[in-house]
Amino acid sequence: MKSVSHGFISHQIRPLGLPAFQTSRLPSSSTLLNIKLFRKNLPNPSGFRALTVNARQTHSSDAKTKTQDDGIPIDLVKVLVKFKSRYNYIRVLEVSRKADHPFAGSRLLLLDGPGNIHSISFLFKLLTNTYFDAFATLPPILPPGPLGILGFGAGSTARLILELYPEVEVHGWELDPSVISVGREYFGLSKLEKQNPQKLFIYIGDALKASVRDGFSGILVDLFAKGSLVTELQNPKTWKKLKRSLRKGGRIMVNVGGSCVEAEDPRRDGKLVMEESLKAMHQVFPGQVFVLNLGNRKDDSSIALTGELPDPSLWKQKLPLSLRCYVDMWVPFHG
């Protein structure tokens, strides 16, 4: 989305609830991933102006510690591709390594009108400091068996899991074949498939119809459309169906968004949609829904987990050191 005002151009990129950049092993307190791109107001080199739309917060770009809320000069971001598919408005951005920003050196997949980020990859590091890292904590607390990813995107979650847990078999569903094509061309998905021919399986179609023989050991749900969590996830019937597709002891982890999610339809308030989705889950998994908040305000962005909460110390032992911080962030959802 871009607009023109006072001679400047801005591009506001809204998130699917990405947590703040981490400068240590503990999550930072910044709430929104609100990438603001700036055009320099030459000849005054100090004059950077942001033309944001409905921005909830403003931050000084002079702060000593950069966060995801700080701006990026527009000349340090390259648009690699943009087009409309049957289902999405697709854009791939590349952030220069010279940018003084947590996403320096990354590629971002943006979908929908608001420009929600659905995938991110870095050239020289695996972890993303986003909710994809929280997703990567799920495999160690699952029984043996295949893992399903509903809402595959360009493969950010699959890449993390296959690199950290090479024994895991991943089955991913994505509705839009163009998104998979972009993932293969710009996000290293082709290489990931070649490296894991018996471990990674990608399907084009409705993710809520996903199934595998004998059921999933776990399911990761990241399903958004037109900038909002899909409506089916506010229906308990959907969660009953997903529960039936699990093996004994299986779990579901889901990105339920939050107040930072900006939908194309203003009636789809991110916080309310999140609450409705959690209540629907709670009906199907009573007393077994836990929430992890990824922001300094309660409802900014959240991940939900089903099942009894594992022993924290045992869970941490099975995780890489850089992911252990997420274990202590879960709290029960009481409906």
C-alpha atoms as a PDB file:
ATOM      1  CA  MET A   1       0.000   0.000   0.000  1.00  0.00           C
ATOM      2  CA  LYS A   2       1.444   3.378  -0.797  1.00  0.00           C
ATOM      3  CA  SER A   3       0.276   6.933  -0.720  1.00  0.00           C
ATOM      4  CA  VAL A   4       1.620  10.358  -1.593  1.00  0.00           C
ATOM      5  CA  SER A   5       1.647  13.294   0.810  1.00  0.00           C
ATOM      6  CA  HIS A   6       3.875  16.321   1.118  1.00  0.00           C
ATOM      7  CA  GLY A   7       6.075  15.045  -1.671  1.00  0.00           C
ATOM      8  CA  PHE A   8       7.067  11.787  -0.018  1.00  0.00           C
ATOM      9  CA  ILE A   9       6.169   8.159  -0.680  1.00  0.00           C
ATOM     10  CA  SER A  10       5.593   5.646   2.051  1.00  0.00           C
ATOM     11  CA  HIS A  11       4.941   1.933   2.089  1.00  0.00           C
ATOM     12  CA  GLN A  12       3.312   0.620   5.219  1.00  0.00           C
ATOM     13  CA  ILE A  13       3.835  -3.098   5.674  1.00  0.00           C
ATOM     14  CA  ARG A  14       1.650  -4.626   8.322  1.00  0.00           C
ATOM     15  CA  PRO A  15       2.427  -7.918  10.047  1.00  0.00           C
ATOM     16  CA  LEU A  16       0.907 -11.229  10.823  1.00  0.00           C
ATOM     17  CA  GLY A  17       1.840 -10.702  14.407  1.00  0.00           C
ATOM     18  CA  LEU A  18       5.602 -10.962  14.168  1.00  0.00           C
ATOM     19  CA  PRO A  19       7.289 -10.493  17.533  1.00  0.00           C
ATOM     20  CA  ALA A  20       9.915  -7.881  18.134  1.00  0.00           C
ATOM     21  CA  PHE A  21      13.542  -8.281  17.147  1.00  0.00           C
ATOM     22  CA  GLN A  22      15.579  -9.928  19.861  1.00  0.00           C
ATOM     23  CA  THR A  23      18.872  -8.347  20.836  1.00  0.00           C
ATOM     24  CA  SER A  24      19.408 -11.102  23.381  1.00  0.00           C
ATOM     25  CA  ARG A  25      17.944 -14.488  24.110  1.00  0.00           C
ATOM     26  CA  LEU A  26      14.925 -12.802  25.647  1.00  0.00           C
ATOM     27  CA  PRO A  27      12.201 -11.332  23.434  1.00  0.00           C
ATOM     28  CA  SER A  28      12.223  -7.538  23.290  1.00  0.00           C
ATOM     29  CA  SER A  29       9.230  -5.458  24.259  1.00  0.00           C
ATOM     30  CA  SER A  30       8.477  -3.820  20.918  1.00  0.00           C
ATOM     31  CA  THR A  31       4.937  -4.550  19.817  1.00  0.00           C
ATOM     32  CA  LEU A  32       4.558  -4.195  16.086  1.00  0.00           C
ATOM     33  CA  LEU A  33       6.456  -5.220  13.046  1.00  0.00           C
ATOM     34  CA  ASN A  34       5.680  -2.067  11.119  1.00  0.00           C
ATOM     35  CA  ILE A  35       8.320  -1.776   8.419  1.00  0.00           C
ATOM     36  CA  LYS A  36       8.333   1.809   7.244  1.00  0.00           C
ATOM     37  CA  LEU A  37      10.195   2.655   4.083  1.00  0.00           C
ATOM     38  CA  PHE A  38      11.488   6.191   3.705  1.00  0.00           C
ATOM     39  CA  ARG A  39      12.526   8.275   0.738  1.00  0.00           C
ATOM     40  CA  LYS A  40      15.277  10.776   1.463  1.00  0.00           C
ATOM     41  CA  ASN A  41      14.226  14.398   1.225  1.00  0.00           C
ATOM     42  CA  LEU A  42      17.273  15.677  -0.601  1.00  0.00           C
ATOM     43  CA  PRO A  43      19.172  17.958  -0.403  1.00  0.00           C
ATOM     44  CA  ASN A  44      18.493  17.809   3.358  1.00  0.00           C
ATOM     45  CA  PRO A  45      20.013  14.404   4.313  1.00  0.00           C
ATOM     46  CA  SER A  46      18.467  14.492   7.777  1.00  0.00           C
ATOM     47  CA  GLY A  47      14.936  14.809   6.448  1.00  0.00           C
ATOM     48  CA  PHE A  48      13.381  11.360   6.392  1.00  0.00           C
ATOM     49  CA  ARG A  49       9.600  11.427   6.265  1.00  0.00           C
ATOM     50  CA  ALA A  50       7.298   8.459   6.756  1.00  0.00           C
ATOM     51  CA  LEU A  51       3.898   8.463   5.129  1.00  0.00           C
ATOM     52  CA  THR A  52       2.230   5.722   7.109  1.00  0.00           C
ATOM     53  CA  VAL A  53      -1.410   4.741   6.970  1.00  0.00           C
ATOM     54  CA  ASN A  54      -3.204   4.104  10.258  1.00  0.00           C
ATOM     55  CA  ALA A  55       0.075   3.623  12.109  1.00  0.00           C
ATOM     56  CA  ARG A  56      -0.535   2.875  15.775  1.00  0.00           C
ATOM     57  CA  GLN A  57       2.826   4.085  16.968  1.00  0.00           C
ATOM     58  CA  THR A  58       5.697   6.277  15.892  1.00  0.00           C
ATOM     59  CA  HIS A  59       9.295   5.712  16.858  1.00  0.00           C
ATOM     60  CA  SER A  60      12.362   7.856  16.544  1.00  0.00           C
ATOM     61  CA  SER A  61      14.843   6.501  14.016  1.00  0.00           C
ATOM     62  CA  ASP A  62      17.596   8.094  16.124  1.00  0.00           C
ATOM     63  CA  ALA A  63      17.248   5.493  18.865  1.00  0.00           C
ATOM     64  CA  LYS A  64      20.466   3.685  19.724  1.00  0.00           C
ATOM     65  CA  THR A  65      18.849   0.267  19.455  1.00  0.00           C
ATOM     66  CA  LYS A  66      16.944  -0.350  16.263  1.00  0.00           C
ATOM     67  CA  THR A  67      13.754  -2.364  16.377  1.00  0.00           C
ATOM     68  CA  GLN A  68      11.378  -3.643  13.739  1.00  0.00           C
ATOM     69  CA  ASP A  69       9.334  -0.469  14.205  1.00  0.00           C
ATOM     70  CA  ASP A  70      12.135   1.755  12.949  1.00  0.00           C
ATOM     71  CA  GLY A  71      12.184   2.866   9.357  1.00  0.00           C
ATOM     72  CA  ILE A  72      14.282   1.707   6.425  1.00  0.00           C
ATOM     73  CA  PRO A  73      15.387   4.140   3.714  1.00  0.00           C
ATOM     74  CA  ILE A  74      13.510   3.246   0.566  1.00  0.00           C
ATOM     75  CA  ASP A  75      16.729   2.985  -1.445  1.00  0.00           C
ATOM     76  CA  LEU A  76      17.815   0.084   0.785  1.00  0.00           C
ATOM     77  CA  VAL A  77      14.785  -2.039  -0.114  1.00  0.00           C
ATOM     78  CA  LYS A  78      14.395  -3.696  -3.492  1.00  0.00           C
ATOM     79  CA  VAL A  79      11.123  -5.033  -4.880  1.00  0.00           C
ATOM     80  CA  LEU A  80      12.065  -8.305  -6.560  1.00  0.00           C
ATOM     81  CA  VAL A  81       8.606  -9.192  -7.830  1.00  0.00           C
ATOM     82  CA  LYS A  82       5.008  -8.041  -7.498  1.00  0.00           C
ATOM     83  CA  PHE A  83       1.916  -9.421  -9.179  1.00  0.00           C
ATOM     84  CA  LYS A  84      -1.631 -10.552  -8.542  1.00  0.00           C
ATOM     85  CA  SER A  85      -2.427 -14.246  -8.471  1.00  0.00           C
ATOM     86  CA  ARG A  86      -5.842 -15.827  -8.250  1.00  0.00           C
ATOM     87  CA  TYR A  87      -5.769 -15.566  -4.462  1.00  0.00           C
ATOM     88  CA  ASN A  88      -3.235 -12.911  -3.488  1.00  0.00           C
ATOM     89  CA  TYR A  89      -1.444  -9.698  -4.234  1.00  0.00           C
ATOM     90  CA  ILE A  90       2.124 -11.033  -4.005  1.00  0.00           C
ATOM     91  CA  ARG A  91       5.253  -8.993  -3.357  1.00  0.00           C
ATOM     92  CA  VAL A  92       8.809 -10.068  -2.557  1.00  0.00           C
ATOM     93  CA  LEU A  93      11.082  -7.477  -0.951  1.00  0.00           C
ATOM     94  CA  GLU A  94      14.798  -7.692  -0.338  1.00  0.00           C
ATOM     95  CA  VAL A  95      16.248  -5.579   2.465  1.00  0.00           C
ATOM     96  CA  SER A  96      19.846  -4.502   1.946  1.00  0.00           C
ATOM     97  CA  ARG A  97      22.465  -5.802   4.364  1.00  0.00           C
ATOM     98  CA  LYS A  98      23.491  -2.154   4.760  1.00  0.00           C
ATOM     99  CA  ALA A  99      20.185  -1.260   6.401  1.00  0.00           C
ATOM    100  CA  ASP A 100      20.354  -0.408  10.092  1.00  0.00           C
ATOM    101  CA  HIS A 101      17.388  -2.616  10.838  1.00  0.00           C
ATOM    102  CA  PRO A 102      16.747  -6.118  12.259  1.00  0.00           C
ATOM    103  CA  PHE A 103      15.574  -7.291   8.836  1.00  0.00           C
ATOM    104  CA  ALA A 104      18.781  -6.247   7.081  1.00  0.00           C
ATOM    105  CA  GLY A 105      19.809  -8.955   4.631  1.00  0.00           C
ATOM    106  CA  SER A 106      16.387 -10.580   4.511  1.00  0.00           C
ATOM    107  CA  ARG A 107      13.775 -11.391   1.912  1.00  0.00           C
ATOM    108  CA  LEU A 108      10.130 -10.867   2.805  1.00  0.00           C
ATOM    109  CA  LEU A 109       7.021 -12.368   1.235  1.00  0.00           C
ATOM    110  CA  LEU A 110       4.076  -9.978   1.458  1.00  0.00           C
ATOM    111  CA  LEU A 111       0.523 -11.056   0.718  1.00  0.00           C
ATOM    112  CA  ASP A 112      -2.854  -9.276   0.752  1.00  0.00           C
ATOM    113  CA  GLY A 113      -3.636  -5.607   0.392  1.00  0.00           C
ATOM    114  CA  PRO A 114      -2.296  -4.553   3.813  1.00  0.00           C
ATOM    115  CA  GLY A 115       1.055  -6.192   3.010  1.00  0.00           C
ATOM    116  CA  ASN A 116       1.114  -8.869   5.700  1.00  0.00           C
ATOM    117  CA  ILE A 117       4.379 -10.759   5.947  1.00  0.00           C
ATOM    118  CA  HIS A 118       3.951 -14.488   5.372  1.00  0.00           C
ATOM    119  CA  SER A 119       7.559 -15.610   5.024  1.00  0.00           C
ATOM    120  CA  ILE A 120      11.021 -14.320   5.823  1.00  0.00           C
ATOM    121  CA  SER A 121      14.475 -15.683   5.132  1.00  0.00           C
ATOM    122  CA  PHE A 122      18.000 -14.494   5.795  1.00  0.00           C
ATOM    123  CA  LEU A 123      21.001 -15.352   3.673  1.00  0.00           C
ATOM    124  CA  PHE A 124      23.423 -15.987   6.505  1.00  0.00           C
ATOM    125  CA  LYS A 125      21.322 -17.064   9.481  1.00  0.00           C
ATOM    126  CA  LEU A 126      18.604 -19.585  10.210  1.00  0.00           C
ATOM    127  CA  LEU A 127      16.549 -18.056  13.029  1.00  0.00           C
ATOM    128  CA  THR A 128      14.269 -15.192  12.077  1.00  0.00           C
ATOM    129  CA  ASN A 129      13.472 -13.559  15.459  1.00  0.00           C
ATOM    130  CA  THR A 130       9.792 -13.833  14.501  1.00  0.00           C
ATOM    131  CA  TYR A 131       6.913 -16.123  15.398  1.00  0.00           C
ATOM    132  CA  PHE A 132       8.358 -18.754  13.045  1.00  0.00           C
ATOM    133  CA  ASP A 133      10.987 -19.394  15.722  1.00  0.00           C
ATOM    134  CA  ALA A 134       8.243 -20.071  18.279  1.00  0.00           C
ATOM    135  CA  PHE A 135       6.729 -22.569  15.829  1.00  0.00           C
ATOM    136  CA  ALA A 136      10.092 -24.362  15.774  1.00  0.00           C
ATOM    137  CA  THR A 137       9.711 -25.282  19.451  1.00  0.00           C
ATOM    138  CA  LEU A 138       6.867 -27.723  18.702  1.00  0.00           C
ATOM    139  CA  PRO A 139       8.581 -30.899  17.356  1.00  0.00           C
ATOM    140  CA  PRO A 140      10.332 -31.908  20.612  1.00  0.00           C
ATOM    141  CA  ILE A 141       7.000 -32.210  22.466  1.00  0.00           C
ATOM    142  CA  LEU A 142       5.278 -34.346  19.840  1.00  0.00           C
ATOM    143  CA  PRO A 143       4.908 -38.116  19.512  1.00  0.00           C
ATOM    144  CA  PRO A 144       6.612 -39.761  16.525  1.00  0.00           C
ATOM    145  CA  GLY A 145       4.942 -39.105  13.185  1.00  0.00           C
ATOM    146  CA  PRO A 146       4.490 -36.531  10.420  1.00  0.00           C
ATOM    147  CA  LEU A 147       4.101 -32.831  11.114  1.00  0.00           C
ATOM    148  CA  GLY A 148       1.531 -30.801   9.171  1.00  0.00           C
ATOM    149  CA  ILE A 149       1.959 -27.138   8.221  1.00  0.00           C
ATOM    150  CA  LEU A 150      -1.331 -25.525   7.252  1.00  0.00           C
ATOM    151  CA  GLY A 151      -0.495 -22.304   5.478  1.00  0.00           C
ATOM    152  CA  PHE A 152       2.925 -23.168   4.060  1.00  0.00           C
ATOM    153  CA  GLY A 153       3.792 -19.788   2.532  1.00  0.00           C
ATOM    154  CA  ALA A 154       7.298 -19.728   1.071  1.00  0.00           C
ATOM    155  CA  GLY A 155       8.532 -22.344   3.546  1.00  0.00           C
ATOM    156  CA  SER A 156       9.955 -20.363   6.477  1.00  0.00           C
ATOM    157  CA  THR A 157       8.599 -22.757   9.100  1.00  0.00           C
ATOM    158  CA  ALA A 158       9.559 -25.876   7.144  1.00  0.00           C
ATOM    159  CA  ARG A 159      13.111 -24.631   6.699  1.00  0.00           C
ATOM    160  CA  LEU A 160      13.558 -24.040  10.412  1.00  0.00           C
ATOM    161  CA  ILE A 161      12.144 -27.400  11.408  1.00  0.00           C
ATOM    162  CA  LEU A 162      14.064 -29.455   8.850  1.00  0.00           C
ATOM    163  CA  GLU A 163      17.332 -27.735   9.761  1.00  0.00           C
ATOM    164  CA  LEU A 164      16.833 -28.127  13.517  1.00  0.00           C
ATOM    165  CA  TYR A 165      15.144 -31.548  13.486  1.00  0.00           C
ATOM    166  CA  PRO A 166      16.267 -33.458  10.358  1.00  0.00           C
ATOM    167  CA  GLU A 167      14.385 -36.570  11.471  1.00  0.00           C
ATOM    168  CA  VAL A 168      10.969 -34.852  11.185  1.00  0.00           C
ATOM    169  CA  GLU A 169       8.729 -35.511   8.182  1.00  0.00           C
ATOM    170  CA  VAL A 170       6.944 -32.325   7.088  1.00  0.00           C
ATOM    171  CA  HIS A 171       3.731 -32.115   5.052  1.00  0.00           C
ATOM    172  CA  GLY A 172       2.729 -28.610   4.000  1.00  0.00           C
ATOM    173  CA  TRP A 173      -0.465 -27.238   2.449  1.00  0.00           C
ATOM    174  CA  GLU A 174      -0.732 -23.974   0.528  1.00  0.00           C
ATOM    175  CA  LEU A 175      -3.818 -22.796  -1.344  1.00  0.00           C
ATOM    176  CA  ASP A 176      -2.015 -20.559  -3.850  1.00  0.00           C
ATOM    177  CA  PRO A 177       0.380 -22.299  -6.268  1.00  0.00           C
ATOM    178  CA  SER A 178       1.921 -18.919  -7.088  1.00  0.00           C
ATOM    179  CA  VAL A 179       3.108 -18.614  -3.494  1.00  0.00           C
ATOM    180  CA  ILE A 180       4.924 -21.947  -3.793  1.00  0.00           C
ATOM    181  CA  SER A 181       6.460 -20.852  -7.103  1.00  0.00           C
ATOM    182  CA  VAL A 182       7.730 -17.656  -5.466  1.00  0.00           C
ATOM    183  CA  GLY A 183       9.086 -19.692  -2.562  1.00  0.00           C
ATOM    184  CA  ARG A 184      11.030 -21.902  -4.929  1.00  0.00           C
ATOM    185  CA  GLU A 185      12.488 -19.018  -6.893  1.00  0.00           C
ATOM    186  CA  TYR A 186      13.205 -16.450  -4.175  1.00  0.00           C
ATOM    187  CA  PHE A 187      13.279 -18.255  -0.806  1.00  0.00           C
ATOM    188  CA  GLY A 188      15.365 -21.360  -1.417  1.00  0.00           C
ATOM    189  CA  LEU A 189      12.413 -23.736  -1.341  1.00  0.00           C
ATOM    190  CA  SER A 190      13.651 -25.715  -4.362  1.00  0.00           C
ATOM    191  CA  LYS A 191      16.948 -26.372  -2.584  1.00  0.00           C
ATOM    192  CA  LEU A 192      15.122 -27.387   0.587  1.00  0.00           C
ATOM    193  CA  GLU A 193      13.015 -29.874  -1.389  1.00  0.00           C
ATOM    194  CA  LYS A 194      16.075 -31.369  -3.081  1.00  0.00           C
ATOM    195  CA  GLN A 195      17.827 -31.747   0.268  1.00  0.00           C
ATOM    196  CA  ASN A 196      14.800 -33.466   1.849  1.00  0.00           C
ATOM    197  CA  PRO A 197      13.156 -35.631  -0.848  1.00  0.00           C
ATOM    198  CA  GLN A 198      11.729 -38.078   1.689  1.00  0.00           C
ATOM    199  CA  LYS A 199      11.040 -35.536   4.424  1.00  0.00           C
ATOM    200  CA  LEU A 200       9.263 -32.608   2.763  1.00  0.00           C
ATOM    201  CA  PHE A 201       5.972 -32.934   0.918  1.00  0.00           C
ATOM    202  CA  ILE A 202       4.039 -29.930  -0.425  1.00  0.00           C
ATOM    203  CA  TYR A 203       0.396 -29.980  -1.474  1.00  0.00           C
ATOM    204  CA  ILE A 204      -1.620 -27.341  -3.297  1.00  0.00           C
ATOM    205  CA  GLY A 205      -5.137 -27.072  -1.946  1.00  0.00           C
ATOM    206  CA  ASP A 206      -7.377 -26.300   1.019  1.00  0.00           C
ATOM    207  CA  ALA A 207      -5.269 -26.724   4.142  1.00  0.00           C
ATOM    208  CA  LEU A 208      -8.323 -27.444   6.285  1.00  0.00           C
ATOM    209  CA  LYS A 209      -8.819 -30.642   4.306  1.00  0.00           C
ATOM    210  CA  ALA A 210      -5.292 -31.845   5.064  1.00  0.00           C
ATOM    211  CA  SER A 211      -4.798 -35.442   6.138  1.00  0.00           C
ATOM    212  CA  VAL A 212      -2.136 -38.125   6.274  1.00  0.00           C
ATOM    213  CA  ARG A 213      -2.332 -41.831   6.937  1.00  0.00           C
ATOM    214  CA  ASP A 214      -2.580 -42.600  10.671  1.00  0.00           C
ATOM    215  CA  GLY A 215      -2.806 -38.895  11.511  1.00  0.00           C
ATOM    216  CA  PHE A 216      -0.435 -36.050  12.313  1.00  0.00           C
ATOM    217  CA  SER A 217       1.827 -35.995  15.334  1.00  0.00           C
ATOM    218  CA  GLY A 218       1.428 -32.236  15.308  1.00  0.00           C
ATOM    219  CA  ILE A 219      -0.082 -29.432  13.253  1.00  0.00           C
ATOM    220  CA  LEU A 220       1.138 -25.877  12.779  1.00  0.00           C
ATOM    221  CA  VAL A 221      -1.641 -23.523  11.676  1.00  0.00           C
ATOM    222  CA  ASP A 222      -0.852 -20.198   9.988  1.00  0.00           C
ATOM    223  CA  LEU A 223      -3.950 -19.451   7.932  1.00  0.00           C
ATOM    224  CA  PHE A 224      -4.788 -15.901   6.939  1.00  0.00           C
ATOM    225  CA  ALA A 225      -6.798 -14.506   4.030  1.00  0.00           C
ATOM    226  CA  LYS A 226      -7.238 -10.868   3.049  1.00  0.00           C
ATOM    227  CA  GLY A 227      -5.180  -9.858   6.035  1.00  0.00           C
ATOM    228  CA  SER A 228      -7.247 -11.716   8.632  1.00  0.00           C
ATOM    229  CA  LEU A 229      -7.244 -15.086  10.344  1.00  0.00           C
ATOM    230  CA  VAL A 230      -9.564 -17.272   8.250  1.00  0.00           C
ATOM    231  CA  THR A 231     -13.151 -17.366   9.496  1.00  0.00           C
ATOM    232  CA  GLU A 232     -13.182 -21.156   9.842  1.00  0.00           C
ATOM    233  CA  LEU A 233     -10.851 -20.882  12.826  1.00  0.00           C
ATOM    234  CA  GLN A 234     -13.548 -19.089  14.802  1.00  0.00           C
ATOM    235  CA  ASN A 235     -15.751 -22.180  14.474  1.00  0.00           C
ATOM    236  CA  PRO A 236     -15.371 -25.036  17.006  1.00  0.00           C
ATOM    237  CA  LYS A 237     -16.257 -27.536  14.251  1.00  0.00           C
ATOM    238  CA  THR A 238     -12.953 -26.731  12.558  1.00  0.00           C
ATOM    239  CA  TRP A 239     -10.990 -27.491  15.695  1.00  0.00           C
ATOM    240  CA  LYS A 240     -12.912 -30.731  16.216  1.00  0.00           C
ATOM    241  CA  LYS A 241     -11.916 -31.788  12.720  1.00  0.00           C
ATOM    242  CA  LEU A 242      -8.288 -30.871  13.299  1.00  0.00           C
ATOM    243  CA  LYS A 243      -8.307 -32.725  16.620  1.00  0.00           C
ATOM    244  CA  ARG A 244      -9.559 -35.868  14.882  1.00  0.00           C
ATOM    245  CA  SER A 245      -6.635 -35.656  12.463  1.00  0.00           C
ATOM    246  CA  LEU A 246      -4.090 -35.917  15.298  1.00  0.00           C
ATOM    247  CA  ARG A 247      -2.417 -39.034  16.578  1.00  0.00           C
ATOM    248  CA  LYS A 248      -2.621 -39.890  20.270  1.00  0.00           C
ATOM    249  CA  GLY A 249      -0.666 -37.252  22.149  1.00  0.00           C
ATOM    250  CA  GLY A 250      -0.596 -34.923  19.155  1.00  0.00           C
ATOM    251  CA  ARG A 251      -0.740 -31.152  19.491  1.00  0.00           C
ATOM    252  CA  ILE A 252      -1.680 -28.067  17.505  1.00  0.00           C
ATOM    253  CA  MET A 253       0.206 -24.774  17.551  1.00  0.00           C
ATOM    254  CA  VAL A 254      -1.445 -21.839  15.788  1.00  0.00           C
ATOM    255  CA  ASN A 255      -0.737 -18.229  14.952  1.00  0.00           C
ATOM    256  CA  VAL A 256      -3.906 -16.524  16.190  1.00  0.00           C
ATOM    257  CA  GLY A 257      -2.737 -13.004  15.349  1.00  0.00           C
ATOM    258  CA  GLY A 258      -3.890 -10.140  17.544  1.00  0.00           C
ATOM    259  CA  SER A 259      -4.452  -6.405  17.607  1.00  0.00           C
ATOM    260  CA  CYS A 260      -1.464  -5.749  15.350  1.00  0.00           C
ATOM    261  CA  VAL A 261      -3.104  -7.642  12.473  1.00  0.00           C
ATOM    262  CA  GLU A 262      -4.711  -5.288   9.985  1.00  0.00           C
ATOM    263  CA  ALA A 263      -7.324  -6.870   7.722  1.00  0.00           C
ATOM    264  CA  GLU A 264      -8.602  -5.601   4.390  1.00  0.00           C
ATOM    265  CA  ASP A 265     -12.074  -5.623   5.926  1.00  0.00           C
ATOM    266  CA  PRO A 266     -12.073  -3.109   8.838  1.00  0.00           C
ATOM    267  CA  ARG A 267     -14.825  -5.122  10.512  1.00  0.00           C
ATOM    268  CA  ARG A 268     -12.343  -7.984  11.033  1.00  0.00           C
ATOM    269  CA  ASP A 269     -10.680  -6.528  14.112  1.00  0.00           C
ATOM    270  CA  GLY A 270      -7.523  -8.505  14.855  1.00  0.00           C
ATOM    271  CA  LYS A 271      -8.001  -8.622  18.609  1.00  0.00           C
ATOM    272  CA  LEU A 272     -11.627  -9.763  18.394  1.00  0.00           C
ATOM    273  CA  VAL A 273     -10.829 -12.397  15.773  1.00  0.00           C
ATOM    274  CA  MET A 274      -8.033 -13.704  17.997  1.00  0.00           C
ATOM    275  CA  GLU A 275     -10.344 -13.919  20.999  1.00  0.00           C
ATOM    276  CA  GLU A 276     -13.064 -15.690  19.005  1.00  0.00           C
ATOM    277  CA  SER A 277     -10.535 -18.203  17.691  1.00  0.00           C
ATOM    278  CA  LEU A 278      -9.151 -18.935  21.160  1.00  0.00           C
ATOM    279  CA  LYS A 279     -12.667 -19.432  22.538  1.00  0.00           C
ATOM    280  CA  ALA A 280     -13.452 -21.865  19.720  1.00  0.00           C
ATOM    281  CA  MET A 281     -10.270 -23.801  20.537  1.00  0.00           C
ATOM    282  CA  HIS A 282     -11.140 -23.789  24.225  1.00  0.00           C
ATOM    283  CA  GLN A 283     -14.477 -25.462  23.520  1.00  0.00           C
ATOM    284  CA  VAL A 284     -12.709 -28.366  21.841  1.00  0.00           C
ATOM    285  CA  PHE A 285      -9.634 -28.474  24.110  1.00  0.00           C
ATOM    286  CA  PRO A 286     -11.089 -27.403  27.503  1.00  0.00           C
ATOM    287  CA  GLY A 287      -8.340 -26.627  29.986  1.00  0.00           C
ATOM    288  CA  GLN A 288      -5.707 -27.476  27.376  1.00  0.00           C
ATOM    289  CA  VAL A 289      -5.154 -24.228  25.504  1.00  0.00           C
ATOM    290  CA  PHE A 290      -2.099 -22.125  26.289  1.00  0.00           C
ATOM    291  CA  VAL A 291      -1.175 -18.746  24.858  1.00  0.00           C
ATOM    292  CA  LEU A 292       2.183 -17.137  24.188  1.00  0.00           C
ATOM    293  CA  ASN A 293       2.072 -13.349  23.772  1.00  0.00           C
ATOM    294  CA  LEU A 294       4.665 -11.856  21.454  1.00  0.00           C
ATOM    295  CA  GLY A 295       4.406  -8.181  22.323  1.00  0.00           C
ATOM    296  CA  ASN A 296       4.536  -5.778  25.243  1.00  0.00           C
ATOM    297  CA  ARG A 297       0.759  -5.394  25.185  1.00  0.00           C
ATOM    298  CA  LYS A 298      -1.374  -8.406  25.972  1.00  0.00           C
ATOM    299  CA  ASP A 299      -3.223  -8.755  22.699  1.00  0.00           C
ATOM    300  CA  ASP A 300      -0.622  -7.560  20.161  1.00  0.00           C
ATOM    301  CA  SER A 301       0.217 -10.956  18.732  1.00  0.00           C
ATOM    302  CA  SER A 302      -0.215 -14.466  20.081  1.00  0.00           C
ATOM    303  CA  ILE A 303       0.529 -18.118  19.441  1.00  0.00           C
ATOM    304  CA  ALA A 304      -1.711 -20.829  20.912  1.00  0.00           C
ATOM    305  CA  LEU A 305      -0.851 -24.408  21.871  1.00  0.00           C
ATOM    306  CA  THR A 306      -3.099 -27.373  22.677  1.00  0.00           C
ATOM    307  CA  GLY A 307      -2.509 -30.220  25.118  1.00  0.00           C
ATOM    308  CA  GLU A 308      -1.120 -30.405  28.631  1.00  0.00           C
ATOM    309  CA  LEU A 309       1.794 -28.029  29.100  1.00  0.00           C
ATOM    310  CA  PRO A 310       5.024 -30.066  29.057  1.00  0.00           C
ATOM    311  CA  ASP A 311       7.556 -30.007  31.849  1.00  0.00           C
ATOM    312  CA  PRO A 312       9.516 -26.797  31.114  1.00  0.00           C
ATOM    313  CA  SER A 313      12.925 -28.165  32.050  1.00  0.00           C
ATOM    314  CA  LEU A 314      12.518 -31.261  29.898  1.00  0.00           C
ATOM    315  CA  TRP A 315      11.211 -29.187  26.990  1.00  0.00           C
ATOM    316  CA  LYS A 316      14.180 -26.828  27.205  1.00  0.00           C
ATOM    317  CA  GLN A 317      16.640 -29.722  27.181  1.00  0.00           C
ATOM    318  CA  LYS A 318      15.340 -30.752  23.766  1.00  0.00           C
ATOM    319  CA  LEU A 319      15.570 -27.275  22.249  1.00  0.00           C
ATOM    320  CA  PRO A 320      18.475 -25.248  20.868  1.00  0.00           C
ATOM    321  CA  LEU A 321      19.653 -22.677  23.393  1.00  0.00           C
ATOM    322  CA  SER A 322      18.341 -19.798  21.263  1.00  0.00           C
ATOM    323  CA  LEU A 323      14.753 -21.112  21.422  1.00  0.00           C
ATOM    324  CA  ARG A 324      14.496 -21.946  25.109  1.00  0.00           C
ATOM    325  CA  CYS A 325      13.222 -18.478  26.036  1.00  0.00           C
ATOM    326  CA  TYR A 326       9.813 -19.321  24.543  1.00  0.00           C
ATOM    327  CA  VAL A 327       9.150 -22.190  26.963  1.00  0.00           C
ATOM    328  CA  ASP A 328       8.508 -19.927  29.963  1.00  0.00           C
ATOM    329  CA  MET A 329       6.182 -17.572  28.072  1.00  0.00           C
ATOM    330  CA  TRP A 330       3.110 -19.837  27.893  1.00  0.00           C
ATOM    331  CA  VAL A 331       0.079 -19.064  30.068  1.00  0.00           C
ATOM    332  CA  PRO A 332      -3.240 -20.952  30.279  1.00  0.00           C
ATOM    333  CA  PHE A 333      -6.266 -19.623  28.424  1.00  0.00           C
ATOM    334  CA  HIS A 334      -9.371 -19.725  30.581  1.00  0.00           C
ATOM    335  CA  GLY A 335     -11.953 -18.690  27.995  1.00  0.00           C
END
